[in-house]
N, C-alpha and C. Protein backbone atom coordinates (compact mmCIF):
# COMPACT_ATOMS: atom_id res chain seq x y z
N MET A 1 52.27 -12.28 -27.19
CA MET A 1 51.37 -12.88 -28.14
C MET A 1 51.90 -12.60 -29.55
N ALA A 2 52.14 -13.62 -30.31
CA ALA A 2 52.66 -13.47 -31.66
C ALA A 2 51.59 -12.96 -32.61
N GLN A 3 51.99 -12.11 -33.53
CA GLN A 3 51.07 -11.61 -34.56
C GLN A 3 51.00 -12.64 -35.68
N ASP A 4 49.81 -12.92 -36.16
CA ASP A 4 49.66 -13.86 -37.27
C ASP A 4 49.11 -13.16 -38.52
N GLY A 5 49.02 -11.82 -38.51
CA GLY A 5 48.60 -11.07 -39.67
C GLY A 5 47.11 -11.06 -39.94
N ARG A 6 46.31 -11.64 -39.05
CA ARG A 6 44.87 -11.70 -39.29
C ARG A 6 44.13 -10.63 -38.51
N ASN A 7 43.05 -10.17 -39.12
CA ASN A 7 42.12 -9.28 -38.41
C ASN A 7 41.22 -10.15 -37.55
N ARG A 8 40.74 -9.58 -36.46
CA ARG A 8 39.82 -10.31 -35.58
C ARG A 8 38.64 -9.41 -35.25
N GLY A 9 37.49 -10.02 -35.06
CA GLY A 9 36.31 -9.24 -34.71
C GLY A 9 35.43 -9.98 -33.73
N HIS A 10 34.64 -9.22 -33.00
CA HIS A 10 33.70 -9.78 -32.02
C HIS A 10 32.42 -8.96 -32.04
N ASP A 11 31.33 -9.63 -31.78
CA ASP A 11 30.03 -8.98 -31.59
C ASP A 11 29.48 -9.41 -30.24
N TRP A 12 29.00 -8.45 -29.48
CA TRP A 12 28.29 -8.72 -28.24
C TRP A 12 26.87 -8.20 -28.44
N GLU A 13 25.89 -9.04 -28.17
CA GLU A 13 24.50 -8.67 -28.37
C GLU A 13 23.69 -8.97 -27.12
N GLY A 14 22.69 -8.15 -26.88
CA GLY A 14 21.83 -8.36 -25.73
C GLY A 14 20.82 -7.24 -25.62
N TYR A 15 20.28 -7.08 -24.44
CA TYR A 15 19.28 -6.04 -24.20
C TYR A 15 19.72 -5.18 -23.03
N ILE A 16 19.42 -3.90 -23.16
CA ILE A 16 19.63 -2.99 -22.04
C ILE A 16 18.25 -2.59 -21.51
N ARG A 17 18.18 -2.40 -20.20
CA ARG A 17 16.91 -1.97 -19.59
C ARG A 17 17.00 -0.48 -19.30
N VAL A 18 16.08 0.26 -19.85
CA VAL A 18 16.02 1.70 -19.66
C VAL A 18 14.96 1.98 -18.59
N PRO A 19 15.33 2.61 -17.47
CA PRO A 19 14.40 2.79 -16.37
C PRO A 19 13.31 3.83 -16.60
N GLU A 20 13.59 4.81 -17.47
CA GLU A 20 12.59 5.85 -17.75
C GLU A 20 12.88 6.49 -19.10
N ASP A 21 11.85 7.09 -19.69
CA ASP A 21 12.02 7.79 -20.97
C ASP A 21 13.07 8.89 -20.83
N GLY A 22 13.88 9.07 -21.86
CA GLY A 22 14.86 10.16 -21.82
C GLY A 22 15.95 9.99 -22.86
N THR A 23 16.87 10.92 -22.84
CA THR A 23 18.03 10.87 -23.72
C THR A 23 19.17 10.22 -22.94
N TYR A 24 19.76 9.21 -23.54
CA TYR A 24 20.83 8.46 -22.89
C TYR A 24 22.12 8.62 -23.68
N ASN A 25 23.22 8.81 -22.95
CA ASN A 25 24.54 8.97 -23.55
C ASN A 25 25.31 7.67 -23.43
N PHE A 26 26.02 7.30 -24.50
CA PHE A 26 26.80 6.08 -24.54
C PHE A 26 28.20 6.41 -25.01
N THR A 27 29.20 5.74 -24.43
CA THR A 27 30.59 5.92 -24.83
C THR A 27 31.20 4.54 -25.06
N ILE A 28 31.92 4.41 -26.17
CA ILE A 28 32.69 3.20 -26.41
C ILE A 28 34.15 3.59 -26.50
N GLN A 29 35.01 2.69 -26.05
CA GLN A 29 36.45 2.90 -26.15
C GLN A 29 37.03 1.64 -26.75
N ILE A 30 37.58 1.76 -27.95
CA ILE A 30 38.08 0.60 -28.66
C ILE A 30 39.36 0.91 -29.42
N ASP A 31 40.03 -0.15 -29.81
CA ASP A 31 41.22 -0.11 -30.64
C ASP A 31 40.78 -0.54 -32.04
N ASP A 32 40.89 0.31 -33.00
CA ASP A 32 40.53 0.10 -34.40
C ASP A 32 39.03 0.29 -34.64
N ASN A 33 38.40 -0.56 -35.44
CA ASN A 33 37.01 -0.34 -35.85
C ASN A 33 36.00 -0.87 -34.84
N GLY A 34 34.88 -0.17 -34.72
CA GLY A 34 33.80 -0.68 -33.88
C GLY A 34 32.64 0.29 -33.82
N TYR A 35 31.52 -0.24 -33.34
CA TYR A 35 30.34 0.60 -33.20
C TYR A 35 29.40 0.02 -32.14
N LEU A 36 28.52 0.88 -31.67
CA LEU A 36 27.44 0.49 -30.77
C LEU A 36 26.13 0.80 -31.47
N GLU A 37 25.27 -0.21 -31.56
CA GLU A 37 23.93 -0.04 -32.11
C GLU A 37 22.90 -0.22 -31.00
N ILE A 38 21.88 0.61 -31.02
CA ILE A 38 20.73 0.45 -30.14
C ILE A 38 19.51 0.37 -31.07
N ASN A 39 18.76 -0.70 -30.94
CA ASN A 39 17.58 -0.92 -31.79
C ASN A 39 17.91 -0.81 -33.27
N GLY A 40 19.10 -1.31 -33.66
CA GLY A 40 19.50 -1.31 -35.06
C GLY A 40 20.04 0.00 -35.60
N GLU A 41 20.18 1.01 -34.76
CA GLU A 41 20.69 2.32 -35.19
C GLU A 41 22.04 2.57 -34.52
N LYS A 42 23.05 2.93 -35.33
CA LYS A 42 24.37 3.22 -34.77
C LYS A 42 24.31 4.48 -33.93
N VAL A 43 24.81 4.35 -32.71
CA VAL A 43 24.83 5.46 -31.76
C VAL A 43 26.24 6.04 -31.64
N ALA A 44 27.25 5.18 -31.74
CA ALA A 44 28.65 5.60 -31.67
C ALA A 44 29.45 4.70 -32.58
N GLU A 45 30.42 5.28 -33.31
CA GLU A 45 31.20 4.49 -34.26
C GLU A 45 32.61 5.04 -34.41
N LEU A 46 33.57 4.14 -34.49
CA LEU A 46 34.97 4.48 -34.77
C LEU A 46 35.43 3.63 -35.95
N THR A 47 36.18 4.22 -36.87
CA THR A 47 36.72 3.49 -38.00
C THR A 47 38.20 3.79 -38.18
N GLY A 48 38.90 2.87 -38.78
CA GLY A 48 40.31 3.07 -39.06
C GLY A 48 41.21 2.38 -38.06
N SER A 49 42.47 2.34 -38.39
CA SER A 49 43.47 1.72 -37.53
C SER A 49 44.03 2.78 -36.59
N HIS A 50 43.86 2.57 -35.29
CA HIS A 50 44.32 3.54 -34.29
C HIS A 50 44.45 2.86 -32.95
N SER A 51 45.12 3.52 -32.03
CA SER A 51 45.21 3.00 -30.67
C SER A 51 43.86 3.22 -29.98
N SER A 52 43.76 2.76 -28.77
CA SER A 52 42.51 2.86 -28.03
C SER A 52 41.99 4.30 -28.01
N THR A 53 40.78 4.47 -28.52
CA THR A 53 40.15 5.78 -28.67
C THR A 53 38.71 5.67 -28.21
N SER A 54 38.15 6.75 -27.71
CA SER A 54 36.75 6.72 -27.29
C SER A 54 35.92 7.70 -28.12
N VAL A 55 34.65 7.36 -28.26
CA VAL A 55 33.69 8.20 -28.96
C VAL A 55 32.35 8.04 -28.24
N SER A 56 31.57 9.11 -28.23
CA SER A 56 30.28 9.10 -27.55
C SER A 56 29.15 9.44 -28.50
N GLY A 57 27.96 9.04 -28.12
CA GLY A 57 26.76 9.37 -28.86
C GLY A 57 25.57 9.30 -27.92
N SER A 58 24.45 9.83 -28.33
CA SER A 58 23.27 9.81 -27.49
C SER A 58 22.06 9.35 -28.30
N LYS A 59 21.05 8.85 -27.59
CA LYS A 59 19.85 8.36 -28.23
C LYS A 59 18.67 8.54 -27.30
N GLU A 60 17.57 8.99 -27.86
CA GLU A 60 16.31 9.11 -27.12
C GLU A 60 15.71 7.71 -27.01
N LEU A 61 15.43 7.28 -25.78
CA LEU A 61 14.89 5.94 -25.55
C LEU A 61 13.67 5.99 -24.64
N LYS A 62 12.76 5.09 -24.89
CA LYS A 62 11.58 4.94 -24.04
C LYS A 62 11.88 3.92 -22.96
N LYS A 63 11.15 3.99 -21.86
CA LYS A 63 11.29 3.02 -20.79
C LYS A 63 11.06 1.62 -21.34
N GLY A 64 11.90 0.69 -20.90
CA GLY A 64 11.74 -0.70 -21.31
C GLY A 64 13.07 -1.30 -21.79
N PHE A 65 12.97 -2.40 -22.50
CA PHE A 65 14.15 -3.11 -22.98
C PHE A 65 14.44 -2.74 -24.43
N HIS A 66 15.74 -2.60 -24.74
CA HIS A 66 16.17 -2.21 -26.07
C HIS A 66 17.33 -3.10 -26.48
N TYR A 67 17.27 -3.58 -27.72
CA TYR A 67 18.32 -4.44 -28.27
C TYR A 67 19.59 -3.62 -28.47
N ALA A 68 20.72 -4.16 -28.03
CA ALA A 68 22.01 -3.49 -28.17
C ALA A 68 23.03 -4.44 -28.77
N LYS A 69 23.87 -3.91 -29.65
CA LYS A 69 24.94 -4.69 -30.26
C LYS A 69 26.21 -3.86 -30.24
N LEU A 70 27.27 -4.44 -29.72
CA LEU A 70 28.59 -3.82 -29.73
C LEU A 70 29.47 -4.64 -30.66
N HIS A 71 30.02 -3.99 -31.67
CA HIS A 71 30.89 -4.67 -32.64
C HIS A 71 32.29 -4.09 -32.50
N HIS A 72 33.29 -4.98 -32.55
CA HIS A 72 34.69 -4.55 -32.46
C HIS A 72 35.53 -5.35 -33.45
N GLU A 73 36.40 -4.68 -34.18
CA GLU A 73 37.37 -5.33 -35.07
C GLU A 73 38.76 -4.85 -34.68
N ASN A 74 39.64 -5.79 -34.42
CA ASN A 74 41.03 -5.46 -34.17
C ASN A 74 41.80 -5.78 -35.44
N LEU A 75 42.31 -4.76 -36.10
CA LEU A 75 43.00 -4.94 -37.36
C LEU A 75 44.40 -5.48 -37.14
N ALA A 76 44.88 -6.21 -38.12
CA ALA A 76 46.24 -6.76 -38.04
C ALA A 76 47.25 -5.62 -37.95
N VAL A 77 48.28 -5.84 -37.18
CA VAL A 77 49.35 -4.85 -37.05
C VAL A 77 50.24 -4.96 -38.30
N PRO A 78 50.49 -3.84 -38.97
CA PRO A 78 51.34 -3.89 -40.17
C PRO A 78 52.72 -4.47 -39.87
N GLU A 79 53.24 -5.20 -40.81
CA GLU A 79 54.55 -5.88 -40.65
C GLU A 79 55.65 -4.90 -40.26
N GLU A 80 55.62 -3.67 -40.79
CA GLU A 80 56.69 -2.71 -40.47
C GLU A 80 56.63 -2.23 -39.02
N ILE A 81 55.50 -2.42 -38.36
CA ILE A 81 55.39 -2.00 -36.95
C ILE A 81 55.73 -3.17 -36.03
N ALA A 82 55.22 -4.35 -36.34
CA ALA A 82 55.45 -5.52 -35.48
C ALA A 82 55.82 -6.73 -36.33
N PRO A 83 57.09 -6.82 -36.72
CA PRO A 83 57.52 -7.93 -37.61
C PRO A 83 57.43 -9.27 -36.92
């Protein structure tokens, strides 16, 4: 796949169903920038240009449905790395 020097990003949005009240742990593994939000609050976040890295976070949730958003940005590869 040829590099065109552009950054790219994606958002995935939806709802998660929580079966019972409690503290829930979430892990994301991404290349470059990204975050996971639950009910509008960031639970896990990575910033900067890096290879695939994972980060975890936890959130107290009540039983029921909760809005979730996963955001990912793949930064352009610098010319000196991939001409």
